[in-house]
Amino acid sequence: MSILDKEPSERTIDVLIFDRVNLLDVAGPVQAFDCARFRDARVYRHRYVSPDGRPVQANCGLKLQPDDALCPNSQSNDLLVPGGDGVDALTQDAAVLATVRAWAAKPRDSRLISICSGALLLAAAGVLDGQTATTHWSREPETRRHPSVQWDLDRICIAGAGIYTSAGVTTGIDLALSIIRADCGNASALAVARELVVQLRRTGGQSQYAMHLAGQFQPEDALAKLIEAVISNPCSDWSVEHLADAAKMNPRTLSRRFAASMDTTPARFVERVRVDHARGLLADGLLLKRVAVEAGFGDYQRMRRAFRRQMGVDPADFARTFG
């Protein structure tokens, strides 16, 4: 029986709120879940819980009133842990860590869902040990405190065995959409994406979106358009000559502009884009030879050399670890 033939059971999600929580980490995924319908029936309901049941203040200053205190014996199905500056204090709270561990020990139908730096709380509780996880790129120094976790900070979101992590802020919506899609099917997830005016499934990782932003903030429109063109279609022929022709510059001028604006060469930029695109395809389980073609390398050996330059590993090793 397909997921579209079987009506999903209603789920209740406990949403942890705490002082200095990032409001978007809460509002983004919660709004996505709240919009979800299956044959016009609501699927998800929410309870807001704080560590002690008292009101909290988000990092933007908004005061939030919880429904209850965080409880290891909650009858809700899932626990959503957002991020924010206040996460650092929670990683030192023994009671909160014990509750997270209790949630992780529940039956597999139960989920732990972390947004942004909320993954650091899960890591501090030990529930991410041996698993692949992501969090916001700016938290890379803190991830080093948890070497037992296989951190992949370029991923938008990662689903494990009952534990889900996302890169942060708007990617909480991406993670929520992926869960809605698994629970309710494509049609329900697409309806939510349309309601929120977001993509149903983004490709690329955090570094690729950083490159998109770099392109958008270029003072020269020609260079900005070229950057977007490479990111949008990495498998095209992007030799230096073709890049220069697309930007309507000579190769020497293009190289100077890339050095001044991007602190790299055109060829290295293209290689970085292709490696990033290949990482996403490998994480989705595509075969190595197909990835080499679709990412623009042409053959596996060229992709292998690029991976070793950019990441210090072979693409086959990356696929075994993160695929």
C-alpha atoms as a PDB file:
ATOM      1  CA  MET A   1       0.000   0.000   0.000  1.00  0.00           C
ATOM      2  CA  SER A   2       1.466   3.368  -0.982  1.00  0.00           C
ATOM      3  CA  ILE A   3       1.685   6.320   1.338  1.00  0.00           C
ATOM      4  CA  LEU A   4      -1.056   8.036  -0.688  1.00  0.00           C
ATOM      5  CA  ASP A   5      -3.452   5.147  -0.059  1.00  0.00           C
ATOM      6  CA  LYS A   6      -3.036   5.039   3.702  1.00  0.00           C
ATOM      7  CA  GLU A   7      -4.146   7.942   5.816  1.00  0.00           C
ATOM      8  CA  PRO A   8      -1.350   8.991   8.213  1.00  0.00           C
ATOM      9  CA  SER A   9      -2.111   8.977  11.912  1.00  0.00           C
ATOM     10  CA  GLU A  10      -2.252  12.334  13.656  1.00  0.00           C
ATOM     11  CA  ARG A  11       0.976  13.270  15.429  1.00  0.00           C
ATOM     12  CA  THR A  12       1.659  15.663  18.284  1.00  0.00           C
ATOM     13  CA  ILE A  13       4.988  17.460  18.353  1.00  0.00           C
ATOM     14  CA  ASP A  14       6.469  18.903  21.532  1.00  0.00           C
ATOM     15  CA  VAL A  15       8.345  22.064  20.530  1.00  0.00           C
ATOM     16  CA  LEU A  16      11.083  23.039  22.966  1.00  0.00           C
ATOM     17  CA  ILE A  17      11.337  26.782  23.604  1.00  0.00           C
ATOM     18  CA  PHE A  18      13.939  28.411  25.830  1.00  0.00           C
ATOM     19  CA  ASP A  19      15.509  31.768  26.569  1.00  0.00           C
ATOM     20  CA  ARG A  20      17.321  33.169  23.505  1.00  0.00           C
ATOM     21  CA  VAL A  21      15.797  30.635  21.138  1.00  0.00           C
ATOM     22  CA  ASN A  22      15.951  31.568  17.442  1.00  0.00           C
ATOM     23  CA  LEU A  23      12.347  32.415  16.605  1.00  0.00           C
ATOM     24  CA  LEU A  24      12.657  31.364  12.950  1.00  0.00           C
ATOM     25  CA  ASP A  25      13.918  27.945  14.034  1.00  0.00           C
ATOM     26  CA  VAL A  26      10.590  27.536  15.832  1.00  0.00           C
ATOM     27  CA  ALA A  27       8.192  29.344  13.497  1.00  0.00           C
ATOM     28  CA  GLY A  28       9.492  27.944  10.173  1.00  0.00           C
ATOM     29  CA  PRO A  29       9.041  24.206  10.715  1.00  0.00           C
ATOM     30  CA  VAL A  30       6.013  24.655  12.978  1.00  0.00           C
ATOM     31  CA  GLN A  31       4.213  26.663  10.300  1.00  0.00           C
ATOM     32  CA  ALA A  32       5.033  23.999   7.707  1.00  0.00           C
ATOM     33  CA  PHE A  33       3.668  21.219   9.916  1.00  0.00           C
ATOM     34  CA  ASP A  34       0.615  23.312  10.769  1.00  0.00           C
ATOM     35  CA  CYS A  35      -0.205  23.765   7.071  1.00  0.00           C
ATOM     36  CA  ALA A  36      -0.007  20.060   6.289  1.00  0.00           C
ATOM     37  CA  ARG A  37      -3.251  18.312   5.381  1.00  0.00           C
ATOM     38  CA  PHE A  38      -4.060  14.836   4.127  1.00  0.00           C
ATOM     39  CA  ARG A  39      -7.426  14.723   2.345  1.00  0.00           C
ATOM     40  CA  ASP A  40      -8.335  17.945   4.179  1.00  0.00           C
ATOM     41  CA  ALA A  41      -7.558  16.413   7.586  1.00  0.00           C
ATOM     42  CA  ARG A  42      -4.991  17.959   9.886  1.00  0.00           C
ATOM     43  CA  VAL A  43      -1.985  15.720  10.548  1.00  0.00           C
ATOM     44  CA  TYR A  44       0.211  17.537  13.104  1.00  0.00           C
ATOM     45  CA  ARG A  45      -0.535  19.317  16.359  1.00  0.00           C
ATOM     46  CA  HIS A  46       1.915  21.149  18.609  1.00  0.00           C
ATOM     47  CA  ARG A  47       2.623  21.614  22.296  1.00  0.00           C
ATOM     48  CA  TYR A  48       5.166  24.226  23.348  1.00  0.00           C
ATOM     49  CA  VAL A  49       7.348  23.191  26.274  1.00  0.00           C
ATOM     50  CA  SER A  50      10.092  25.052  28.133  1.00  0.00           C
ATOM     51  CA  PRO A  51      12.696  23.448  30.418  1.00  0.00           C
ATOM     52  CA  ASP A  52      10.760  24.386  33.571  1.00  0.00           C
ATOM     53  CA  GLY A  53       7.338  25.307  32.200  1.00  0.00           C
ATOM     54  CA  ARG A  54       7.935  29.031  32.640  1.00  0.00           C
ATOM     55  CA  PRO A  55       7.686  31.713  29.923  1.00  0.00           C
ATOM     56  CA  VAL A  56      10.822  32.390  27.884  1.00  0.00           C
ATOM     57  CA  GLN A  57      12.123  35.200  25.704  1.00  0.00           C
ATOM     58  CA  ALA A  58      13.342  34.582  22.154  1.00  0.00           C
ATOM     59  CA  ASN A  59      16.575  36.181  21.017  1.00  0.00           C
ATOM     60  CA  CYS A  60      14.547  38.770  19.081  1.00  0.00           C
ATOM     61  CA  GLY A  61      12.849  39.862  22.317  1.00  0.00           C
ATOM     62  CA  LEU A  62       9.461  38.194  21.797  1.00  0.00           C
ATOM     63  CA  LYS A  63       8.099  36.573  24.970  1.00  0.00           C
ATOM     64  CA  LEU A  64       6.744  33.059  24.565  1.00  0.00           C
ATOM     65  CA  GLN A  65       4.294  31.211  26.827  1.00  0.00           C
ATOM     66  CA  PRO A  66       4.715  27.416  26.918  1.00  0.00           C
ATOM     67  CA  ASP A  67       1.906  24.920  27.371  1.00  0.00           C
ATOM     68  CA  ASP A  68       3.904  22.735  29.737  1.00  0.00           C
ATOM     69  CA  ALA A  69       7.356  21.781  30.984  1.00  0.00           C
ATOM     70  CA  LEU A  70       9.714  19.554  29.012  1.00  0.00           C
ATOM     71  CA  CYS A  71       8.970  16.007  30.154  1.00  0.00           C
ATOM     72  CA  PRO A  72      10.653  12.667  29.419  1.00  0.00           C
ATOM     73  CA  ASN A  73       7.300  10.892  29.801  1.00  0.00           C
ATOM     74  CA  SER A  74       5.380  13.086  27.377  1.00  0.00           C
ATOM     75  CA  GLN A  75       2.708  11.268  25.399  1.00  0.00           C
ATOM     76  CA  SER A  76       3.514  13.335  22.301  1.00  0.00           C
ATOM     77  CA  ASN A  77       4.990  11.593  19.271  1.00  0.00           C
ATOM     78  CA  ASP A  78       7.939  13.857  18.510  1.00  0.00           C
ATOM     79  CA  LEU A  79      10.253  16.417  20.090  1.00  0.00           C
ATOM     80  CA  LEU A  80      11.467  19.383  18.030  1.00  0.00           C
ATOM     81  CA  VAL A  81      14.608  21.106  19.323  1.00  0.00           C
ATOM     82  CA  PRO A  82      15.314  24.498  17.718  1.00  0.00           C
ATOM     83  CA  GLY A  83      18.564  26.423  17.885  1.00  0.00           C
ATOM     84  CA  GLY A  84      19.653  29.817  19.108  1.00  0.00           C
ATOM     85  CA  ASP A  85      22.186  31.362  21.437  1.00  0.00           C
ATOM     86  CA  GLY A  86      20.413  29.785  24.401  1.00  0.00           C
ATOM     87  CA  VAL A  87      21.385  26.283  23.279  1.00  0.00           C
ATOM     88  CA  ASP A  88      24.827  26.686  24.845  1.00  0.00           C
ATOM     89  CA  ALA A  89      23.345  26.963  28.338  1.00  0.00           C
ATOM     90  CA  LEU A  90      21.085  23.965  27.746  1.00  0.00           C
ATOM     91  CA  THR A  91      24.052  21.760  26.814  1.00  0.00           C
ATOM     92  CA  GLN A  92      25.127  22.157  30.457  1.00  0.00           C
ATOM     93  CA  ASP A  93      21.678  21.380  31.909  1.00  0.00           C
ATOM     94  CA  ALA A  94      21.731  17.804  33.212  1.00  0.00           C
ATOM     95  CA  ALA A  95      17.941  17.532  33.438  1.00  0.00           C
ATOM     96  CA  VAL A  96      17.428  18.673  29.845  1.00  0.00           C
ATOM     97  CA  LEU A  97      20.139  16.299  28.576  1.00  0.00           C
ATOM     98  CA  ALA A  98      18.557  13.387  30.442  1.00  0.00           C
ATOM     99  CA  THR A  99      15.179  14.210  28.903  1.00  0.00           C
ATOM    100  CA  VAL A 100      16.679  14.283  25.392  1.00  0.00           C
ATOM    101  CA  ARG A 101      18.217  10.867  26.022  1.00  0.00           C
ATOM    102  CA  ALA A 102      14.844   9.585  27.231  1.00  0.00           C
ATOM    103  CA  TRP A 103      13.199  10.812  24.028  1.00  0.00           C
ATOM    104  CA  ALA A 104      15.881   9.076  21.954  1.00  0.00           C
ATOM    105  CA  ALA A 105      15.192   5.814  23.803  1.00  0.00           C
ATOM    106  CA  LYS A 106      11.491   5.855  22.913  1.00  0.00           C
ATOM    107  CA  PRO A 107      10.072   3.509  20.255  1.00  0.00           C
ATOM    108  CA  ARG A 108      11.266   4.192  16.729  1.00  0.00           C
ATOM    109  CA  ASP A 109       7.938   5.752  15.788  1.00  0.00           C
ATOM    110  CA  SER A 110       9.030   8.684  17.947  1.00  0.00           C
ATOM    111  CA  ARG A 111      11.252  11.360  16.409  1.00  0.00           C
ATOM    112  CA  LEU A 112      13.875  13.788  17.608  1.00  0.00           C
ATOM    113  CA  ILE A 113      13.974  16.754  15.218  1.00  0.00           C
ATOM    114  CA  SER A 114      16.677  19.395  15.603  1.00  0.00           C
ATOM    115  CA  ILE A 115      16.876  22.727  13.817  1.00  0.00           C
ATOM    116  CA  CYS A 116      20.143  24.640  13.440  1.00  0.00           C
ATOM    117  CA  SER A 117      22.289  24.584  16.616  1.00  0.00           C
ATOM    118  CA  GLY A 118      19.680  22.411  18.326  1.00  0.00           C
ATOM    119  CA  ALA A 119      21.848  19.554  17.016  1.00  0.00           C
ATOM    120  CA  LEU A 120      24.495  20.583  19.554  1.00  0.00           C
ATOM    121  CA  LEU A 121      22.051  19.798  22.349  1.00  0.00           C
ATOM    122  CA  LEU A 122      21.448  16.352  20.862  1.00  0.00           C
ATOM    123  CA  ALA A 123      25.200  15.863  20.519  1.00  0.00           C
ATOM    124  CA  ALA A 124      25.797  16.904  24.129  1.00  0.00           C
ATOM    125  CA  ALA A 125      23.215  14.316  25.207  1.00  0.00           C
ATOM    126  CA  GLY A 126      25.141  11.662  23.283  1.00  0.00           C
ATOM    127  CA  VAL A 127      22.260  10.667  21.012  1.00  0.00           C
ATOM    128  CA  LEU A 128      24.138  11.597  17.818  1.00  0.00           C
ATOM    129  CA  ASP A 129      27.191   9.433  18.539  1.00  0.00           C
ATOM    130  CA  GLY A 130      28.049   7.365  15.472  1.00  0.00           C
ATOM    131  CA  GLN A 131      25.477   9.159  13.329  1.00  0.00           C
ATOM    132  CA  THR A 132      25.786  11.654  10.491  1.00  0.00           C
ATOM    133  CA  ALA A 133      24.412  15.072  11.421  1.00  0.00           C
ATOM    134  CA  THR A 134      24.442  18.688  10.344  1.00  0.00           C
ATOM    135  CA  THR A 135      24.052  22.071  11.986  1.00  0.00           C
ATOM    136  CA  HIS A 136      24.620  25.712  11.095  1.00  0.00           C
ATOM    137  CA  TRP A 137      27.966  26.361   9.399  1.00  0.00           C
ATOM    138  CA  SER A 138      28.926  28.981  12.020  1.00  0.00           C
ATOM    139  CA  ARG A 139      28.863  26.306  14.753  1.00  0.00           C
ATOM    140  CA  GLU A 140      31.773  24.337  13.289  1.00  0.00           C
ATOM    141  CA  PRO A 141      34.069  25.137  16.270  1.00  0.00           C
ATOM    142  CA  GLU A 142      31.499  23.723  18.702  1.00  0.00           C
ATOM    143  CA  THR A 143      31.077  20.528  16.664  1.00  0.00           C
ATOM    144  CA  ARG A 144      34.707  19.654  17.414  1.00  0.00           C
ATOM    145  CA  ARG A 145      33.665  18.972  21.008  1.00  0.00           C
ATOM    146  CA  HIS A 146      31.703  15.984  19.714  1.00  0.00           C
ATOM    147  CA  PRO A 147      34.140  13.905  17.620  1.00  0.00           C
ATOM    148  CA  SER A 148      31.923  10.819  17.845  1.00  0.00           C
ATOM    149  CA  VAL A 149      29.409  12.529  15.548  1.00  0.00           C
ATOM    150  CA  GLN A 150      30.009  12.410  11.779  1.00  0.00           C
ATOM    151  CA  TRP A 151      29.396  16.084  11.049  1.00  0.00           C
ATOM    152  CA  ASP A 152      28.611  17.108   7.473  1.00  0.00           C
ATOM    153  CA  LEU A 153      28.045  20.852   7.730  1.00  0.00           C
ATOM    154  CA  ASP A 154      27.380  21.306   4.048  1.00  0.00           C
ATOM    155  CA  ARG A 155      24.145  19.305   4.126  1.00  0.00           C
ATOM    156  CA  ILE A 156      20.780  21.078   4.284  1.00  0.00           C
ATOM    157  CA  CYS A 157      19.170  18.335   6.370  1.00  0.00           C
ATOM    158  CA  ILE A 158      19.879  14.739   7.330  1.00  0.00           C
ATOM    159  CA  ALA A 159      17.467  11.986   8.341  1.00  0.00           C
ATOM    160  CA  GLY A 160      18.708   9.184  10.549  1.00  0.00           C
ATOM    161  CA  ALA A 161      17.098   6.417  12.592  1.00  0.00           C
ATOM    162  CA  GLY A 162      14.428   8.467  14.313  1.00  0.00           C
ATOM    163  CA  ILE A 163      16.716  11.512  14.552  1.00  0.00           C
ATOM    164  CA  TYR A 164      16.670  14.424  12.122  1.00  0.00           C
ATOM    165  CA  THR A 165      19.028  17.409  11.915  1.00  0.00           C
ATOM    166  CA  SER A 166      19.012  20.513   9.722  1.00  0.00           C
ATOM    167  CA  ALA A 167      21.454  23.286   8.904  1.00  0.00           C
ATOM    168  CA  GLY A 168      19.391  25.989  10.477  1.00  0.00           C
ATOM    169  CA  VAL A 169      16.907  28.845  10.144  1.00  0.00           C
ATOM    170  CA  THR A 170      15.072  28.428   6.805  1.00  0.00           C
ATOM    171  CA  THR A 171      16.368  24.876   6.336  1.00  0.00           C
ATOM    172  CA  GLY A 172      14.069  23.911   9.196  1.00  0.00           C
ATOM    173  CA  ILE A 173      11.301  24.318   6.625  1.00  0.00           C
ATOM    174  CA  ASP A 174      13.183  21.990   4.236  1.00  0.00           C
ATOM    175  CA  LEU A 175      13.402  19.366   6.959  1.00  0.00           C
ATOM    176  CA  ALA A 176       9.729  19.742   7.863  1.00  0.00           C
ATOM    177  CA  LEU A 177       8.760  19.361   4.200  1.00  0.00           C
ATOM    178  CA  SER A 178      10.813  16.172   3.889  1.00  0.00           C
ATOM    179  CA  ILE A 179       9.021  14.724   6.943  1.00  0.00           C
ATOM    180  CA  ILE A 180       5.600  15.778   5.626  1.00  0.00           C
ATOM    181  CA  ARG A 181       6.458  14.184   2.295  1.00  0.00           C
ATOM    182  CA  ALA A 182       7.394  10.906   4.000  1.00  0.00           C
ATOM    183  CA  ASP A 183       4.269  10.922   6.199  1.00  0.00           C
ATOM    184  CA  CYS A 184       1.661  12.274   3.794  1.00  0.00           C
ATOM    185  CA  GLY A 185       3.000  11.985   0.270  1.00  0.00           C
ATOM    186  CA  ASN A 186       4.153  14.356  -2.439  1.00  0.00           C
ATOM    187  CA  ALA A 187       0.819  16.099  -2.947  1.00  0.00           C
ATOM    188  CA  SER A 188       0.538  17.175   0.693  1.00  0.00           C
ATOM    189  CA  ALA A 189       4.150  18.357   0.838  1.00  0.00           C
ATOM    190  CA  LEU A 190       3.787  20.246  -2.434  1.00  0.00           C
ATOM    191  CA  ALA A 191       0.653  21.978  -1.141  1.00  0.00           C
ATOM    192  CA  VAL A 192       2.593  23.159   1.923  1.00  0.00           C
ATOM    193  CA  ALA A 193       5.513  24.352  -0.226  1.00  0.00           C
ATOM    194  CA  ARG A 194       3.093  26.335  -2.397  1.00  0.00           C
ATOM    195  CA  GLU A 195       1.413  27.840   0.649  1.00  0.00           C
ATOM    196  CA  LEU A 196       4.768  28.954   2.081  1.00  0.00           C
ATOM    197  CA  VAL A 197       6.145  29.907  -1.369  1.00  0.00           C
ATOM    198  CA  VAL A 198       9.294  27.786  -0.965  1.00  0.00           C
ATOM    199  CA  GLN A 199      10.936  25.010  -2.954  1.00  0.00           C
ATOM    200  CA  LEU A 200       9.736  21.515  -2.149  1.00  0.00           C
ATOM    201  CA  ARG A 201      13.299  20.226  -2.269  1.00  0.00           C
ATOM    202  CA  ARG A 202      16.406  22.376  -2.491  1.00  0.00           C
ATOM    203  CA  THR A 203      19.549  21.003  -4.077  1.00  0.00           C
ATOM    204  CA  GLY A 204      23.093  21.849  -3.044  1.00  0.00           C
ATOM    205  CA  GLY A 205      24.496  22.525   0.384  1.00  0.00           C
ATOM    206  CA  GLN A 206      25.277  25.422   2.691  1.00  0.00           C
ATOM    207  CA  SER A 207      28.424  26.298   0.774  1.00  0.00           C
ATOM    208  CA  GLN A 208      26.518  26.450  -2.503  1.00  0.00           C
ATOM    209  CA  TYR A 209      24.053  28.947  -1.042  1.00  0.00           C
ATOM    210  CA  ALA A 210      26.995  30.989   0.190  1.00  0.00           C
ATOM    211  CA  MET A 211      28.241  31.061  -3.396  1.00  0.00           C
ATOM    212  CA  HIS A 212      24.787  32.113  -4.593  1.00  0.00           C
ATOM    213  CA  LEU A 213      24.900  35.025  -2.163  1.00  0.00           C
ATOM    214  CA  ALA A 214      28.396  35.933  -3.266  1.00  0.00           C
ATOM    215  CA  GLY A 215      27.119  36.154  -6.812  1.00  0.00           C
ATOM    216  CA  GLN A 216      24.119  38.263  -5.858  1.00  0.00           C
ATOM    217  CA  PHE A 217      26.325  40.775  -4.057  1.00  0.00           C
ATOM    218  CA  GLN A 218      28.770  41.292  -6.897  1.00  0.00           C
ATOM    219  CA  PRO A 219      28.916  44.941  -7.979  1.00  0.00           C
ATOM    220  CA  GLU A 220      29.234  43.834 -11.614  1.00  0.00           C
ATOM    221  CA  ASP A 221      26.080  42.387 -13.101  1.00  0.00           C
ATOM    222  CA  ALA A 222      28.010  40.359 -15.690  1.00  0.00           C
ATOM    223  CA  LEU A 223      30.022  38.525 -13.027  1.00  0.00           C
ATOM    224  CA  ALA A 224      26.918  37.952 -10.894  1.00  0.00           C
ATOM    225  CA  LYS A 225      25.065  36.415 -13.841  1.00  0.00           C
ATOM    226  CA  LEU A 226      28.041  34.208 -14.662  1.00  0.00           C
ATOM    227  CA  ILE A 227      28.257  32.884 -11.104  1.00  0.00           C
ATOM    228  CA  GLU A 228      24.543  32.060 -11.111  1.00  0.00           C
ATOM    229  CA  ALA A 229      24.870  30.365 -14.500  1.00  0.00           C
ATOM    230  CA  VAL A 230      27.690  28.096 -13.305  1.00  0.00           C
ATOM    231  CA  ILE A 231      25.854  27.149 -10.101  1.00  0.00           C
ATOM    232  CA  SER A 232      22.602  26.506 -11.980  1.00  0.00           C
ATOM    233  CA  ASN A 233      24.220  24.335 -14.641  1.00  0.00           C
ATOM    234  CA  PRO A 234      27.566  22.916 -13.440  1.00  0.00           C
ATOM    235  CA  CYS A 235      27.689  20.217 -16.139  1.00  0.00           C
ATOM    236  CA  SER A 236      28.092  22.749 -18.976  1.00  0.00           C
ATOM    237  CA  ASP A 237      31.450  23.392 -20.632  1.00  0.00           C
ATOM    238  CA  TRP A 238      32.946  25.978 -18.290  1.00  0.00           C
ATOM    239  CA  SER A 239      36.458  26.284 -19.642  1.00  0.00           C
ATOM    240  CA  VAL A 240      38.070  29.656 -18.971  1.00  0.00           C
ATOM    241  CA  GLU A 241      37.416  30.626 -22.583  1.00  0.00           C
ATOM    242  CA  HIS A 242      33.718  29.789 -22.319  1.00  0.00           C
ATOM    243  CA  LEU A 243      33.443  31.572 -18.959  1.00  0.00           C
ATOM    244  CA  ALA A 244      35.048  34.680 -20.415  1.00  0.00           C
ATOM    245  CA  ASP A 245      32.796  34.551 -23.441  1.00  0.00           C
ATOM    246  CA  ALA A 246      29.676  34.210 -21.266  1.00  0.00           C
ATOM    247  CA  ALA A 247      30.773  37.196 -19.152  1.00  0.00           C
ATOM    248  CA  LYS A 248      31.745  39.178 -22.266  1.00  0.00           C
ATOM    249  CA  MET A 249      35.276  39.681 -20.949  1.00  0.00           C
ATOM    250  CA  ASN A 250      38.659  38.471 -22.093  1.00  0.00           C
ATOM    251  CA  PRO A 251      40.149  35.625 -19.978  1.00  0.00           C
ATOM    252  CA  ARG A 252      42.753  37.866 -18.329  1.00  0.00           C
ATOM    253  CA  THR A 253      40.128  40.420 -17.222  1.00  0.00           C
ATOM    254  CA  LEU A 254      37.858  37.643 -15.952  1.00  0.00           C
ATOM    255  CA  SER A 255      40.680  36.174 -13.864  1.00  0.00           C
ATOM    256  CA  ARG A 256      41.425  39.568 -12.322  1.00  0.00           C
ATOM    257  CA  ARG A 257      37.743  40.092 -11.466  1.00  0.00           C
ATOM    258  CA  PHE A 258      37.458  36.645  -9.862  1.00  0.00           C
ATOM    259  CA  ALA A 259      40.616  37.229  -7.832  1.00  0.00           C
ATOM    260  CA  ALA A 260      39.365  40.611  -6.600  1.00  0.00           C
ATOM    261  CA  SER A 261      35.756  39.607  -5.865  1.00  0.00           C
ATOM    262  CA  MET A 262      35.888  35.894  -5.014  1.00  0.00           C
ATOM    263  CA  ASP A 263      39.530  35.412  -3.951  1.00  0.00           C
ATOM    264  CA  THR A 264      39.881  32.473  -6.322  1.00  0.00           C
ATOM    265  CA  THR A 265      40.434  31.669  -9.985  1.00  0.00           C
ATOM    266  CA  PRO A 266      37.604  30.949 -12.439  1.00  0.00           C
ATOM    267  CA  ALA A 267      38.735  27.319 -12.821  1.00  0.00           C
ATOM    268  CA  ARG A 268      38.865  26.729  -9.052  1.00  0.00           C
ATOM    269  CA  PHE A 269      35.435  28.304  -8.655  1.00  0.00           C
ATOM    270  CA  VAL A 270      33.945  25.948 -11.241  1.00  0.00           C
ATOM    271  CA  GLU A 271      35.615  22.975  -9.584  1.00  0.00           C
ATOM    272  CA  ARG A 272      34.271  23.981  -6.178  1.00  0.00           C
ATOM    273  CA  VAL A 273      30.735  24.301  -7.569  1.00  0.00           C
ATOM    274  CA  ARG A 274      30.970  20.889  -9.239  1.00  0.00           C
ATOM    275  CA  VAL A 275      32.304  19.189  -6.112  1.00  0.00           C
ATOM    276  CA  ASP A 276      29.505  20.711  -4.053  1.00  0.00           C
ATOM    277  CA  HIS A 277      26.911  19.553  -6.591  1.00  0.00           C
ATOM    278  CA  ALA A 278      28.452  16.081  -6.668  1.00  0.00           C
ATOM    279  CA  ARG A 279      28.301  15.843  -2.881  1.00  0.00           C
ATOM    280  CA  GLY A 280      24.549  16.314  -2.975  1.00  0.00           C
ATOM    281  CA  LEU A 281      24.123  13.690  -5.678  1.00  0.00           C
ATOM    282  CA  LEU A 282      26.329  11.193  -3.821  1.00  0.00           C
ATOM    283  CA  ALA A 283      24.405  11.779  -0.608  1.00  0.00           C
ATOM    284  CA  ASP A 284      21.234  10.902  -2.545  1.00  0.00           C
ATOM    285  CA  GLY A 285      22.757   7.558  -3.514  1.00  0.00           C
ATOM    286  CA  LEU A 286      23.484   8.081  -7.218  1.00  0.00           C
ATOM    287  CA  LEU A 287      26.161   5.912  -8.828  1.00  0.00           C
ATOM    288  CA  LEU A 288      29.669   7.368  -9.025  1.00  0.00           C
ATOM    289  CA  LYS A 289      29.902   7.384 -12.824  1.00  0.00           C
ATOM    290  CA  ARG A 290      26.534   9.071 -13.186  1.00  0.00           C
ATOM    291  CA  VAL A 291      27.471  11.695 -10.612  1.00  0.00           C
ATOM    292  CA  ALA A 292      30.719  12.423 -12.485  1.00  0.00           C
ATOM    293  CA  VAL A 293      28.727  13.170 -15.640  1.00  0.00           C
ATOM    294  CA  GLU A 294      25.876  15.107 -14.026  1.00  0.00           C
ATOM    295  CA  ALA A 295      28.261  17.251 -11.971  1.00  0.00           C
ATOM    296  CA  GLY A 296      30.235  18.198 -15.073  1.00  0.00           C
ATOM    297  CA  PHE A 297      33.465  16.238 -14.525  1.00  0.00           C
ATOM    298  CA  GLY A 298      32.890  13.930 -17.457  1.00  0.00           C
ATOM    299  CA  ASP A 299      34.580  10.902 -15.891  1.00  0.00           C
ATOM    300  CA  TYR A 300      35.260   9.471 -12.452  1.00  0.00           C
ATOM    301  CA  GLN A 301      39.005  10.098 -12.407  1.00  0.00           C
ATOM    302  CA  ARG A 302      38.577  13.852 -12.951  1.00  0.00           C
ATOM    303  CA  MET A 303      35.979  13.914 -10.191  1.00  0.00           C
ATOM    304  CA  ARG A 304      38.285  11.922  -7.916  1.00  0.00           C
ATOM    305  CA  ARG A 305      41.159  14.382  -8.400  1.00  0.00           C
ATOM    306  CA  ALA A 306      38.851  17.347  -7.734  1.00  0.00           C
ATOM    307  CA  PHE A 307      37.482  15.741  -4.554  1.00  0.00           C
ATOM    308  CA  ARG A 308      40.988  15.123  -3.257  1.00  0.00           C
ATOM    309  CA  ARG A 309      41.965  18.748  -3.922  1.00  0.00           C
ATOM    310  CA  GLN A 310      38.816  20.198  -2.370  1.00  0.00           C
ATOM    311  CA  MET A 311      38.069  17.757   0.447  1.00  0.00           C
ATOM    312  CA  GLY A 312      41.056  15.463   0.881  1.00  0.00           C
ATOM    313  CA  VAL A 313      38.953  12.317   0.307  1.00  0.00           C
ATOM    314  CA  ASP A 314      37.876  10.161  -2.624  1.00  0.00           C
ATOM    315  CA  PRO A 315      34.236  10.493  -3.755  1.00  0.00           C
ATOM    316  CA  ALA A 316      33.791   6.752  -3.125  1.00  0.00           C
ATOM    317  CA  ASP A 317      34.805   7.244   0.523  1.00  0.00           C
ATOM    318  CA  PHE A 318      32.460  10.229   0.797  1.00  0.00           C
ATOM    319  CA  ALA A 319      29.588   8.167  -0.626  1.00  0.00           C
ATOM    320  CA  ARG A 320      30.217   5.320   1.846  1.00  0.00           C
ATOM    321  CA  THR A 321      30.220   7.737   4.773  1.00  0.00           C
ATOM    322  CA  PHE A 322      27.398  10.098   3.844  1.00  0.00           C
ATOM    323  CA  GLY A 323      25.382   8.340   1.158  1.00  0.00           C
END
